[in-house]
Amino acid sequence: MIDRETVSDIDWTSCELIERVPGKVSGRPVVRGTRILPDPIVNSYELGDNLDEIHEGFPTLSIEQIKRLIDFAHAQRGQRNP
């Protein structure tokens, strides 16, 4: 399991779904074309939410995008995939 405090240490810039735009959410990494931070998605999964439950909380993202963000975070940390 990923430690919740280390999720924000992930270098999201190499994930194709992520962008950083100066002035948008203070330049923090967000899902491309949104203001959604990736960390809460990974945190939700790590706290036991399944992909459908996370999708309910982030309905503008596809389940595939959510899965990709989780996969990316786990690959960065050498963890299990959803």
Protein backbone atom coordinates (compact mmCIF):
# COMPACT_ATOMS: atom_id res chain seq x y z
CA MET A 1 0.00 0.00 0.00
CA ILE A 2 1.23 3.50 -0.78
CA ASP A 3 1.76 5.71 2.25
CA ARG A 4 -0.70 8.59 1.86
CA GLU A 5 1.98 11.14 2.64
CA THR A 6 4.28 9.85 -0.11
CA VAL A 7 1.67 10.01 -2.88
CA SER A 8 2.22 13.75 -3.25
CA ASP A 9 5.93 13.04 -3.79
CA ILE A 10 5.20 11.31 -7.09
CA ASP A 11 6.65 13.05 -10.13
CA TRP A 12 3.43 13.29 -12.12
CA THR A 13 5.06 15.26 -14.96
CA SER A 14 6.01 12.09 -16.81
CA CYS A 15 2.40 10.86 -16.85
CA GLU A 16 0.71 11.61 -20.18
CA LEU A 17 -2.58 12.41 -18.41
CA ILE A 18 -1.07 15.19 -16.31
CA GLU A 19 -0.31 18.82 -17.03
CA ARG A 20 1.01 21.77 -15.05
CA VAL A 21 -0.29 25.17 -16.02
CA PRO A 22 1.00 28.27 -14.23
CA GLY A 23 -1.90 29.89 -12.40
CA LYS A 24 -4.11 26.79 -12.64
CA VAL A 25 -4.44 25.23 -9.18
CA SER A 26 -1.27 27.11 -8.23
CA GLY A 27 0.71 25.26 -10.91
CA ARG A 28 0.18 21.89 -9.23
CA PRO A 29 -0.12 18.76 -11.40
CA VAL A 30 -3.69 18.24 -12.59
CA VAL A 31 -5.41 15.84 -14.94
CA ARG A 32 -5.07 17.36 -18.41
CA GLY A 33 -7.99 19.67 -19.28
CA THR A 34 -9.34 19.67 -15.70
CA ARG A 35 -8.59 21.08 -12.28
CA ILE A 36 -8.52 17.58 -10.75
CA LEU A 37 -5.45 16.71 -8.69
CA PRO A 38 -4.27 13.12 -9.13
CA ASP A 39 -3.32 12.53 -5.49
CA PRO A 40 -6.90 12.31 -4.13
CA ILE A 41 -7.69 9.67 -6.74
CA VAL A 42 -4.78 7.49 -5.66
CA ASN A 43 -5.52 8.18 -1.99
CA SER A 44 -9.14 7.08 -2.46
CA TYR A 45 -8.00 3.82 -4.02
CA GLU A 46 -5.51 3.24 -1.24
CA LEU A 47 -8.24 3.83 1.35
CA GLY A 48 -10.27 1.02 -0.18
CA ASP A 49 -12.49 2.66 -2.79
CA ASN A 50 -12.86 0.65 -5.99
CA LEU A 51 -12.66 2.16 -9.48
CA ASP A 52 -16.44 2.60 -9.76
CA GLU A 53 -16.61 4.43 -6.43
CA ILE A 54 -13.76 6.72 -7.44
CA HIS A 55 -15.48 7.36 -10.77
CA GLU A 56 -18.60 8.46 -8.88
CA GLY A 57 -16.47 11.08 -7.13
CA PHE A 58 -14.74 12.15 -10.34
CA PRO A 59 -17.40 11.59 -13.03
CA THR A 60 -15.64 13.76 -15.63
CA LEU A 61 -12.82 11.21 -15.75
CA SER A 62 -13.19 7.85 -17.44
CA ILE A 63 -12.55 4.69 -15.48
CA GLU A 64 -9.61 4.07 -17.81
CA GLN A 65 -8.10 7.46 -16.89
CA ILE A 66 -8.57 6.71 -13.19
CA LYS A 67 -6.97 3.29 -13.62
CA ARG A 68 -4.06 4.83 -15.53
CA LEU A 69 -3.41 7.36 -12.75
CA ILE A 70 -3.42 4.62 -10.13
CA ASP A 71 -1.20 2.40 -12.29
CA PHE A 72 1.22 5.27 -12.80
CA ALA A 73 1.42 6.05 -9.08
CA HIS A 74 1.97 2.38 -8.24
CA ALA A 75 4.66 2.03 -10.92
CA GLN A 76 6.42 5.05 -9.42
CA ARG A 77 6.37 3.34 -6.04
CA GLY A 78 6.75 -0.26 -7.20
CA GLN A 79 3.34 -1.17 -5.82
CA ARG A 80 0.46 -3.41 -6.94
CA ASN A 81 -1.89 -2.34 -9.73
CA PRO A 82 -5.69 -2.12 -9.50
